[in-house]
PDB file of all heavy atoms in Angstrom:
ATOM      1  N   TRP A   1      24.036 -11.589  -4.790  1.00  0.00           N
ATOM      2  CA  TRP A   1      23.242 -12.020  -5.926  1.00  0.00           C
ATOM      3  C   TRP A   1      22.431 -13.255  -5.578  1.00  0.00           C
ATOM      4  O   TRP A   1      22.944 -14.190  -4.955  1.00  0.00           O
ATOM      5  CB  TRP A   1      24.141 -12.333  -7.128  1.00  0.00           C
ATOM      6  CG  TRP A   1      24.888 -11.146  -7.638  1.00  0.00           C
ATOM      7  CD1 TRP A   1      26.111 -10.716  -7.251  1.00  0.00           C
ATOM      8  CD2 TRP A   1      24.432 -10.228  -8.634  1.00  0.00           C
ATOM      9  NE1 TRP A   1      26.467  -9.589  -7.939  1.00  0.00           N
ATOM     10  CE2 TRP A   1      25.445  -9.262  -8.798  1.00  0.00           C
ATOM     11  CE3 TRP A   1      23.279 -10.121  -9.400  1.00  0.00           C
ATOM     12  CZ2 TRP A   1      25.347  -8.208  -9.699  1.00  0.00           C
ATOM     13  CZ3 TRP A   1      23.171  -9.079 -10.288  1.00  0.00           C
ATOM     14  CH2 TRP A   1      24.191  -8.139 -10.438  1.00  0.00           C
ATOM     15  N   TYR A   2      21.181 -13.241  -5.974  1.00  0.00           N
ATOM     16  CA  TYR A   2      20.312 -14.400  -5.941  1.00  0.00           C
ATOM     17  C   TYR A   2      19.864 -14.682  -7.365  1.00  0.00           C
ATOM     18  O   TYR A   2      19.993 -13.827  -8.244  1.00  0.00           O
ATOM     19  CB  TYR A   2      19.091 -14.151  -5.058  1.00  0.00           C
ATOM     20  CG  TYR A   2      19.377 -14.194  -3.575  1.00  0.00           C
ATOM     21  CD1 TYR A   2      20.153 -13.223  -2.958  1.00  0.00           C
ATOM     22  CD2 TYR A   2      18.847 -15.208  -2.779  1.00  0.00           C
ATOM     23  CE1 TYR A   2      20.399 -13.263  -1.597  1.00  0.00           C
ATOM     24  CE2 TYR A   2      19.083 -15.257  -1.424  1.00  0.00           C
ATOM     25  CZ  TYR A   2      19.860 -14.280  -0.830  1.00  0.00           C
ATOM     26  OH  TYR A   2      20.094 -14.322   0.525  1.00  0.00           O
ATOM     27  N   ARG A   3      19.343 -15.874  -7.576  1.00  0.00           N
ATOM     28  CA  ARG A   3      18.824 -16.197  -8.897  1.00  0.00           C
ATOM     29  C   ARG A   3      17.577 -17.056  -8.774  1.00  0.00           C
ATOM     30  O   ARG A   3      17.388 -17.763  -7.792  1.00  0.00           O
ATOM     31  CB  ARG A   3      19.877 -16.909  -9.756  1.00  0.00           C
ATOM     32  CG  ARG A   3      20.244 -18.303  -9.272  1.00  0.00           C
ATOM     33  CD  ARG A   3      21.396 -18.866 -10.101  1.00  0.00           C
ATOM     34  NE  ARG A   3      21.751 -20.221  -9.699  1.00  0.00           N
ATOM     35  CZ  ARG A   3      22.786 -20.894 -10.169  1.00  0.00           C
ATOM     36  NH1 ARG A   3      23.584 -20.337 -11.082  1.00  0.00           N
ATOM     37  NH2 ARG A   3      23.033 -22.127  -9.740  1.00  0.00           N
ATOM     38  N   GLN A   4      16.753 -16.984  -9.798  1.00  0.00           N
ATOM     39  CA  GLN A   4      15.543 -17.780  -9.843  1.00  0.00           C
ATOM     40  C   GLN A   4      15.373 -18.356 -11.239  1.00  0.00           C
ATOM     41  O   GLN A   4      15.198 -17.614 -12.211  1.00  0.00           O
ATOM     42  CB  GLN A   4      14.314 -16.953  -9.459  1.00  0.00           C
ATOM     43  CG  GLN A   4      13.051 -17.777  -9.314  1.00  0.00           C
ATOM     44  CD  GLN A   4      11.951 -17.032  -8.596  1.00  0.00           C
ATOM     45  OE1 GLN A   4      11.946 -15.799  -8.559  1.00  0.00           O
ATOM     46  NE2 GLN A   4      11.024 -17.760  -8.015  1.00  0.00           N
ATOM     47  N   ALA A   5      15.448 -19.671 -11.320  1.00  0.00           N
ATOM     48  CA  ALA A   5      15.257 -20.377 -12.577  1.00  0.00           C
ATOM     49  C   ALA A   5      13.784 -20.720 -12.737  1.00  0.00           C
ATOM     50  O   ALA A   5      13.041 -20.803 -11.751  1.00  0.00           O
ATOM     51  CB  ALA A   5      16.103 -21.646 -12.607  1.00  0.00           C
ATOM     52  N   PRO A   6      13.331 -20.940 -13.967  1.00  0.00           N
ATOM     53  CA  PRO A   6      11.924 -21.291 -14.193  1.00  0.00           C
ATOM     54  C   PRO A   6      11.505 -22.506 -13.379  1.00  0.00           C
ATOM     55  O   PRO A   6      12.177 -23.534 -13.387  1.00  0.00           O
ATOM     56  CB  PRO A   6      11.875 -21.583 -15.691  1.00  0.00           C
ATOM     57  CG  PRO A   6      12.982 -20.772 -16.269  1.00  0.00           C
ATOM     58  CD  PRO A   6      14.074 -20.828 -15.238  1.00  0.00           C
ATOM     59  N   GLY A   7      10.403 -22.375 -12.655  1.00  0.00           N
ATOM     60  CA  GLY A   7       9.874 -23.471 -11.869  1.00  0.00           C
ATOM     61  C   GLY A   7      10.604 -23.759 -10.579  1.00  0.00           C
ATOM     62  O   GLY A   7      10.290 -24.749  -9.911  1.00  0.00           O
ATOM     63  N   LYS A   8      11.562 -22.918 -10.218  1.00  0.00           N
ATOM     64  CA  LYS A   8      12.329 -23.138  -9.002  1.00  0.00           C
ATOM     65  C   LYS A   8      12.263 -21.930  -8.077  1.00  0.00           C
ATOM     66  O   LYS A   8      11.907 -20.834  -8.492  1.00  0.00           O
ATOM     67  CB  LYS A   8      13.795 -23.449  -9.334  1.00  0.00           C
ATOM     68  CG  LYS A   8      13.991 -24.735 -10.111  1.00  0.00           C
ATOM     69  CD  LYS A   8      15.465 -25.040 -10.301  1.00  0.00           C
ATOM     70  CE  LYS A   8      15.670 -26.354 -11.024  1.00  0.00           C
ATOM     71  NZ  LYS A   8      17.112 -26.667 -11.204  1.00  0.00           N
ATOM     72  N   GLN A   9      12.606 -22.157  -6.812  1.00  0.00           N
ATOM     73  CA  GLN A   9      12.638 -21.080  -5.837  1.00  0.00           C
ATOM     74  C   GLN A   9      13.871 -20.213  -6.037  1.00  0.00           C
ATOM     75  O   GLN A   9      14.887 -20.659  -6.566  1.00  0.00           O
ATOM     76  CB  GLN A   9      12.632 -21.647  -4.418  1.00  0.00           C
ATOM     77  CG  GLN A   9      11.356 -22.371  -4.034  1.00  0.00           C
ATOM     78  CD  GLN A   9      11.383 -22.825  -2.593  1.00  0.00           C
ATOM     79  OE1 GLN A   9      12.446 -23.059  -2.021  1.00  0.00           O
ATOM     80  NE2 GLN A   9      10.204 -22.950  -1.995  1.00  0.00           N
ATOM     81  N   ARG A  10      13.771 -18.969  -5.590  1.00  0.00           N
ATOM     82  CA  ARG A  10      14.917 -18.092  -5.618  1.00  0.00           C
ATOM     83  C   ARG A  10      15.981 -18.619  -4.657  1.00  0.00           C
ATOM     84  O   ARG A  10      15.676 -19.012  -3.529  1.00  0.00           O
ATOM     85  CB  ARG A  10      14.507 -16.670  -5.233  1.00  0.00           C
ATOM     86  CG  ARG A  10      15.605 -15.641  -5.411  1.00  0.00           C
ATOM     87  CD  ARG A  10      15.094 -14.227  -5.162  1.00  0.00           C
ATOM     88  NE  ARG A  10      14.064 -13.849  -6.122  1.00  0.00           N
ATOM     89  CZ  ARG A  10      13.552 -12.628  -6.211  1.00  0.00           C
ATOM     90  NH1 ARG A  10      13.977 -11.658  -5.409  1.00  0.00           N
ATOM     91  NH2 ARG A  10      12.604 -12.376  -7.104  1.00  0.00           N
ATOM     92  N   GLU A  11      17.227 -18.634  -5.104  1.00  0.00           N
ATOM     93  CA  GLU A  11      18.309 -19.164  -4.295  1.00  0.00           C
ATOM     94  C   GLU A  11      19.484 -18.204  -4.243  1.00  0.00           C
ATOM     95  O   GLU A  11      19.727 -17.432  -5.172  1.00  0.00           O
ATOM     96  CB  GLU A  11      18.778 -20.517  -4.841  1.00  0.00           C
ATOM     97  CG  GLU A  11      19.415 -20.441  -6.217  1.00  0.00           C
ATOM     98  CD  GLU A  11      20.003 -21.758  -6.686  1.00  0.00           C
ATOM     99  OE1 GLU A  11      20.082 -22.705  -5.866  1.00  0.00           O
ATOM    100  OE2 GLU A  11      20.390 -21.859  -7.865  1.00  0.00           O
ATOM    101  N   LEU A  12      20.210 -18.280  -3.153  1.00  0.00           N
ATOM    102  CA  LEU A  12      21.414 -17.476  -2.998  1.00  0.00           C
ATOM    103  C   LEU A  12      22.493 -17.960  -3.946  1.00  0.00           C
ATOM    104  O   LEU A  12      22.712 -19.158  -4.097  1.00  0.00           O
ATOM    105  CB  LEU A  12      21.914 -17.545  -1.554  1.00  0.00           C
ATOM    106  CG  LEU A  12      23.157 -16.720  -1.206  1.00  0.00           C
ATOM    107  CD1 LEU A  12      23.065 -16.197   0.212  1.00  0.00           C
ATOM    108  CD2 LEU A  12      24.423 -17.559  -1.366  1.00  0.00           C
ATOM    109  N   VAL A  13      23.173 -17.010  -4.588  1.00  0.00           N
ATOM    110  CA  VAL A  13      24.317 -17.312  -5.435  1.00  0.00           C
ATOM    111  C   VAL A  13      25.607 -16.947  -4.708  1.00  0.00           C
ATOM    112  O   VAL A  13      26.502 -17.775  -4.554  1.00  0.00           O
ATOM    113  CB  VAL A  13      24.242 -16.571  -6.778  1.00  0.00           C
ATOM    114  CG1 VAL A  13      25.476 -16.865  -7.623  1.00  0.00           C
ATOM    115  CG2 VAL A  13      22.977 -16.957  -7.534  1.00  0.00           C
ATOM    116  N   ALA A  14      25.701 -15.705  -4.277  1.00  0.00           N
ATOM    117  CA  ALA A  14      26.887 -15.235  -3.569  1.00  0.00           C
ATOM    118  C   ALA A  14      26.570 -13.942  -2.847  1.00  0.00           C
ATOM    119  O   ALA A  14      25.726 -13.166  -3.290  1.00  0.00           O
ATOM    120  CB  ALA A  14      28.057 -15.022  -4.539  1.00  0.00           C
ATOM    121  N   THR A  15      27.247 -13.712  -1.732  1.00  0.00           N
ATOM    122  CA  THR A  15      27.128 -12.453  -1.016  1.00  0.00           C
ATOM    123  C   THR A  15      28.507 -11.971  -0.601  1.00  0.00           C
ATOM    124  O   THR A  15      29.457 -12.754  -0.511  1.00  0.00           O
ATOM    125  CB  THR A  15      26.255 -12.569   0.245  1.00  0.00           C
ATOM    126  OG1 THR A  15      26.827 -13.517   1.154  1.00  0.00           O
ATOM    127  CG2 THR A  15      24.837 -12.985  -0.109  1.00  0.00           C
ATOM    128  N   ILE A  16      28.593 -10.679  -0.335  1.00  0.00           N
ATOM    129  CA  ILE A  16      29.840 -10.081   0.127  1.00  0.00           C
ATOM    130  C   ILE A  16      29.506  -8.963   1.106  1.00  0.00           C
ATOM    131  O   ILE A  16      28.609  -8.158   0.877  1.00  0.00           O
ATOM    132  CB  ILE A  16      30.687  -9.569  -1.061  1.00  0.00           C
ATOM    133  CG1 ILE A  16      32.042  -9.052  -0.579  1.00  0.00           C
ATOM    134  CG2 ILE A  16      29.927  -8.512  -1.859  1.00  0.00           C
ATOM    135  CD1 ILE A  16      33.024  -8.804  -1.721  1.00  0.00           C
ATOM    136  N   THR A  17      30.220  -8.921   2.213  1.00  0.00           N
ATOM    137  CA  THR A  17      30.025  -7.863   3.196  1.00  0.00           C
ATOM    138  C   THR A  17      30.878  -6.662   2.831  1.00  0.00           C
ATOM    139  O   THR A  17      31.750  -6.725   1.961  1.00  0.00           O
ATOM    140  CB  THR A  17      30.394  -8.334   4.603  1.00  0.00           C
ATOM    141  OG1 THR A  17      31.811  -8.544   4.683  1.00  0.00           O
ATOM    142  CG2 THR A  17      29.664  -9.626   4.959  1.00  0.00           C
ATOM    143  N   ASN A  18      30.644  -5.544   3.521  1.00  0.00           N
ATOM    144  CA  ASN A  18      31.458  -4.362   3.243  1.00  0.00           C
ATOM    145  C   ASN A  18      32.898  -4.552   3.698  1.00  0.00           C
ATOM    146  O   ASN A  18      33.766  -3.753   3.331  1.00  0.00           O
ATOM    147  CB  ASN A  18      30.847  -3.106   3.873  1.00  0.00           C
ATOM    148  CG  ASN A  18      30.578  -3.246   5.359  1.00  0.00           C
ATOM    149  OD1 ASN A  18      31.027  -4.175   6.006  1.00  0.00           O
ATOM    150  ND2 ASN A  18      29.815  -2.295   5.906  1.00  0.00           N
ATOM    151  N   GLY A  19      33.147  -5.600   4.486  1.00  0.00           N
ATOM    152  CA  GLY A  19      34.502  -5.939   4.879  1.00  0.00           C
ATOM    153  C   GLY A  19      35.179  -6.927   3.948  1.00  0.00           C
ATOM    154  O   GLY A  19      36.359  -7.241   4.129  1.00  0.00           O
ATOM    155  N   GLY A  20      34.433  -7.446   2.965  1.00  0.00           N
ATOM    156  CA  GLY A  20      35.011  -8.329   1.971  1.00  0.00           C
ATOM    157  C   GLY A  20      34.798  -9.809   2.198  1.00  0.00           C
ATOM    158  O   GLY A  20      35.285 -10.625   1.410  1.00  0.00           O
ATOM    159  N   SER A  21      34.080 -10.192   3.249  1.00  0.00           N
ATOM    160  CA  SER A  21      33.791 -11.604   3.477  1.00  0.00           C
ATOM    161  C   SER A  21      32.770 -12.091   2.458  1.00  0.00           C
ATOM    162  O   SER A  21      31.784 -11.414   2.184  1.00  0.00           O
ATOM    163  CB  SER A  21      33.263 -11.826   4.892  1.00  0.00           C
ATOM    164  OG  SER A  21      34.236 -11.467   5.858  1.00  0.00           O
ATOM    165  N   THR A  22      32.992 -13.291   1.919  1.00  0.00           N
ATOM    166  CA  THR A  22      32.135 -13.813   0.859  1.00  0.00           C
ATOM    167  C   THR A  22      31.521 -15.150   1.229  1.00  0.00           C
ATOM    168  O   THR A  22      32.076 -15.918   2.011  1.00  0.00           O
ATOM    169  CB  THR A  22      32.917 -13.983  -0.450  1.00  0.00           C
ATOM    170  OG1 THR A  22      34.021 -14.870  -0.235  1.00  0.00           O
ATOM    171  CG2 THR A  22      33.444 -12.641  -0.946  1.00  0.00           C
ATOM    172  N   VAL A  23      30.362 -15.406   0.650  1.00  0.00           N
ATOM    173  CA  VAL A  23      29.672 -16.680   0.759  1.00  0.00           C
ATOM    174  C   VAL A  23      29.202 -17.065  -0.632  1.00  0.00           C
ATOM    175  O   VAL A  23      28.665 -16.227  -1.359  1.00  0.00           O
ATOM    176  CB  VAL A  23      28.470 -16.606   1.718  1.00  0.00           C
ATOM    177  CG1 VAL A  23      27.670 -17.906   1.683  1.00  0.00           C
ATOM    178  CG2 VAL A  23      28.933 -16.319   3.135  1.00  0.00           C
ATOM    179  N   TYR A  24      29.401 -18.335  -1.005  1.00  0.00           N
ATOM    180  CA  TYR A  24      28.984 -18.827  -2.307  1.00  0.00           C
ATOM    181  C   TYR A  24      28.102 -20.045  -2.162  1.00  0.00           C
ATOM    182  O   TYR A  24      28.300 -20.872  -1.269  1.00  0.00           O
ATOM    183  CB  TYR A  24      30.192 -19.226  -3.159  1.00  0.00           C
ATOM    184  CG  TYR A  24      31.079 -18.084  -3.583  1.00  0.00           C
ATOM    185  CD1 TYR A  24      32.186 -17.726  -2.830  1.00  0.00           C
ATOM    186  CD2 TYR A  24      30.809 -17.368  -4.739  1.00  0.00           C
ATOM    187  CE1 TYR A  24      33.007 -16.682  -3.214  1.00  0.00           C
ATOM    188  CE2 TYR A  24      31.624 -16.325  -5.135  1.00  0.00           C
ATOM    189  CZ  TYR A  24      32.724 -15.990  -4.371  1.00  0.00           C
ATOM    190  OH  TYR A  24      33.540 -14.948  -4.769  1.00  0.00           O
ATOM    191  N   ALA A  25      27.147 -20.171  -3.062  1.00  0.00           N
ATOM    192  CA  ALA A  25      26.416 -21.418  -3.174  1.00  0.00           C
ATOM    193  C   ALA A  25      27.362 -22.509  -3.642  1.00  0.00           C
ATOM    194  O   ALA A  25      28.277 -22.256  -4.434  1.00  0.00           O
ATOM    195  CB  ALA A  25      25.254 -21.266  -4.160  1.00  0.00           C
ATOM    196  N   HIS A  26      27.138 -23.722  -3.169  1.00  0.00           N
ATOM    197  CA  HIS A  26      27.997 -24.834  -3.545  1.00  0.00           C
ATOM    198  C   HIS A  26      28.036 -25.033  -5.055  1.00  0.00           C
ATOM    199  O   HIS A  26      29.076 -25.385  -5.619  1.00  0.00           O
ATOM    200  CB  HIS A  26      27.531 -26.118  -2.857  1.00  0.00           C
ATOM    201  CG  HIS A  26      28.373 -27.307  -3.162  1.00  0.00           C
ATOM    202  ND1 HIS A  26      28.073 -28.183  -4.198  1.00  0.00           N
ATOM    203  CD2 HIS A  26      29.512 -27.769  -2.598  1.00  0.00           C
ATOM    204  CE1 HIS A  26      28.993 -29.131  -4.242  1.00  0.00           C
ATOM    205  NE2 HIS A  26      29.878 -28.894  -3.282  1.00  0.00           N
ATOM    206  N   SER A  27      26.911 -24.793  -5.712  1.00  0.00           N
ATOM    207  CA  SER A  27      26.805 -25.040  -7.142  1.00  0.00           C
ATOM    208  C   SER A  27      27.646 -24.093  -7.994  1.00  0.00           C
ATOM    209  O   SER A  27      27.921 -24.401  -9.160  1.00  0.00           O
ATOM    210  CB  SER A  27      25.341 -24.956  -7.587  1.00  0.00           C
ATOM    211  OG  SER A  27      24.803 -23.679  -7.315  1.00  0.00           O
ATOM    212  N   VAL A  28      28.053 -22.953  -7.436  1.00  0.00           N
ATOM    213  CA  VAL A  28      28.811 -21.976  -8.215  1.00  0.00           C
ATOM    214  C   VAL A  28      30.228 -21.774  -7.695  1.00  0.00           C
ATOM    215  O   VAL A  28      31.034 -21.105  -8.361  1.00  0.00           O
ATOM    216  CB  VAL A  28      28.094 -20.616  -8.278  1.00  0.00           C
ATOM    217  CG1 VAL A  28      26.660 -20.782  -8.755  1.00  0.00           C
ATOM    218  CG2 VAL A  28      28.139 -19.915  -6.922  1.00  0.00           C
ATOM    219  N   LYS A  29      30.532 -22.332  -6.548  1.00  0.00           N
ATOM    220  CA  LYS A  29      31.849 -22.135  -5.948  1.00  0.00           C
ATOM    221  C   LYS A  29      32.940 -22.653  -6.878  1.00  0.00           C
ATOM    222  O   LYS A  29      32.857 -23.756  -7.402  1.00  0.00           O
ATOM    223  CB  LYS A  29      31.925 -22.837  -4.597  1.00  0.00           C
ATOM    224  CG  LYS A  29      33.128 -22.428  -3.759  1.00  0.00           C
ATOM    225  CD  LYS A  29      33.034 -22.995  -2.354  1.00  0.00           C
ATOM    226  CE  LYS A  29      34.175 -22.504  -1.477  1.00  0.00           C
ATOM    227  NZ  LYS A  29      34.070 -23.040  -0.092  1.00  0.00           N
ATOM    228  N   GLY A  30      33.945 -21.830  -7.083  1.00  0.00           N
ATOM    229  CA  GLY A  30      35.024 -22.178  -7.990  1.00  0.00           C
ATOM    230  C   GLY A  30      34.814 -21.692  -9.406  1.00  0.00           C
ATOM    231  O   GLY A  30      35.762 -21.677 -10.205  1.00  0.00           O
ATOM    232  N   ARG A  31      33.596 -21.305  -9.743  1.00  0.00           N
ATOM    233  CA  ARG A  31      33.282 -20.797 -11.076  1.00  0.00           C
ATOM    234  C   ARG A  31      32.919 -19.320 -11.059  1.00  0.00           C
ATOM    235  O   ARG A  31      33.242 -18.591 -12.000  1.00  0.00           O
ATOM    236  CB  ARG A  31      32.126 -21.585 -11.700  1.00  0.00           C
ATOM    237  CG  ARG A  31      32.419 -23.067 -11.877  1.00  0.00           C
ATOM    238  CD  ARG A  31      31.311 -23.760 -12.667  1.00  0.00           C
ATOM    239  NE  ARG A  31      30.031 -23.708 -11.971  1.00  0.00           N
ATOM    240  CZ  ARG A  31      28.935 -23.130 -12.454  1.00  0.00           C
ATOM    241  NH1 ARG A  31      28.954 -22.562 -13.660  1.00  0.00           N
ATOM    242  NH2 ARG A  31      27.806 -23.141 -11.758  1.00  0.00           N
ATOM    243  N   PHE A  32      32.234 -18.883 -10.007  1.00  0.00           N
ATOM    244  CA  PHE A  32      31.797 -17.493  -9.897  1.00  0.00           C
ATOM    245  C   PHE A  32      32.643 -16.763  -8.862  1.00  0.00           C
ATOM    246  O   PHE A  32      33.094 -17.357  -7.876  1.00  0.00           O
ATOM    247  CB  PHE A  32      30.331 -17.411  -9.458  1.00  0.00           C
ATOM    248  CG  PHE A  32      29.328 -17.911 -10.457  1.00  0.00           C
ATOM    249  CD1 PHE A  32      29.719 -18.560 -11.621  1.00  0.00           C
ATOM    250  CD2 PHE A  32      27.973 -17.718 -10.227  1.00  0.00           C
ATOM    251  CE1 PHE A  32      28.786 -19.021 -12.540  1.00  0.00           C
ATOM    252  CE2 PHE A  32      27.034 -18.167 -11.132  1.00  0.00           C
ATOM    253  CZ  PHE A  32      27.435 -18.818 -12.285  1.00  0.00           C
ATOM    254  N   THR A  33      32.823 -15.481  -9.068  1.00  0.00           N
ATOM    255  CA  THR A  33      33.535 -14.645  -8.122  1.00  0.00           C
ATOM    256  C   THR A  33      32.756 -13.356  -7.892  1.00  0.00           C
ATOM    257  O   THR A  33      32.422 -12.651  -8.847  1.00  0.00           O
ATOM    258  CB  THR A  33      34.945 -14.296  -8.612  1.00  0.00           C
ATOM    259  OG1 THR A  33      35.688 -15.494  -8.851  1.00  0.00           O
ATOM    260  CG2 THR A  33      35.675 -13.452  -7.571  1.00  0.00           C
ATOM    261  N   ILE A  34      32.463 -13.065  -6.639  1.00  0.00           N
ATOM    262  CA  ILE A  34      31.788 -11.824  -6.301  1.00  0.00           C
ATOM    263  C   ILE A  34      32.822 -10.819  -5.806  1.00  0.00           C
ATOM    264  O   ILE A  34      33.772 -11.182  -5.114  1.00  0.00           O
ATOM    265  CB  ILE A  34      30.680 -12.051  -5.251  1.00  0.00           C
ATOM    266  CG1 ILE A  34      29.823 -10.786  -5.084  1.00  0.00           C
ATOM    267  CG2 ILE A  34      31.251 -12.508  -3.914  1.00  0.00           C
ATOM    268  CD1 ILE A  34      28.560 -11.022  -4.265  1.00  0.00           C
ATOM    269  N   SER A  35      32.639  -9.568  -6.177  1.00  0.00           N
ATOM    270  CA  SER A  35      33.538  -8.515  -5.744  1.00  0.00           C
ATOM    271  C   SER A  35      32.752  -7.229  -5.547  1.00  0.00           C
ATOM    272  O   SER A  35      31.590  -7.124  -5.949  1.00  0.00           O
ATOM    273  CB  SER A  35      34.686  -8.308  -6.743  1.00  0.00           C
ATOM    274  OG  SER A  35      34.189  -7.936  -8.013  1.00  0.00           O
ATOM    275  N   ARG A  36      33.401  -6.260  -4.935  1.00  0.00           N
ATOM    276  CA  ARG A  36      32.706  -5.033  -4.568  1.00  0.00           C
ATOM    277  C   ARG A  36      33.639  -3.850  -4.721  1.00  0.00           C
ATOM    278  O   ARG A  36      34.788  -3.903  -4.300  1.00  0.00           O
ATOM    279  CB  ARG A  36      32.214  -5.161  -3.125  1.00  0.00           C
ATOM    280  CG  ARG A  36      31.318  -4.070  -2.621  1.00  0.00           C
ATOM    281  CD  ARG A  36      30.748  -4.490  -1.269  1.00  0.00           C
ATOM    282  NE  ARG A  36      29.843  -3.504  -0.715  1.00  0.00           N
ATOM    283  CZ  ARG A  36      29.103  -3.691   0.365  1.00  0.00           C
ATOM    284  NH1 ARG A  36      29.154  -4.849   1.011  1.00  0.00           N
ATOM    285  NH2 ARG A  36      28.310  -2.726   0.800  1.00  0.00           N
ATOM    286  N   ASP A  37      33.133  -2.803  -5.329  1.00  0.00           N
ATOM    287  CA  ASP A  37      33.869  -1.556  -5.464  1.00  0.00           C
ATOM    288  C   ASP A  37      33.132  -0.526  -4.621  1.00  0.00           C
ATOM    289  O   ASP A  37      32.132   0.045  -5.055  1.00  0.00           O
ATOM    290  CB  ASP A  37      33.944  -1.119  -6.930  1.00  0.00           C
ATOM    291  CG  ASP A  37      34.832   0.090  -7.125  1.00  0.00           C
ATOM    292  OD1 ASP A  37      35.034   0.864  -6.173  1.00  0.00           O
ATOM    293  OD2 ASP A  37      35.339   0.277  -8.252  1.00  0.00           O
TER     294      ASP A  37
END
């Protein structure tokens, strides 16, 4: 997931590989959880 707020550039929120490895933006870490089915 990426996001774009008004007047700002698109930024990474979180990603997940098919193996389950995840990456989070610092601003959302601890609040958001990415998962995959």
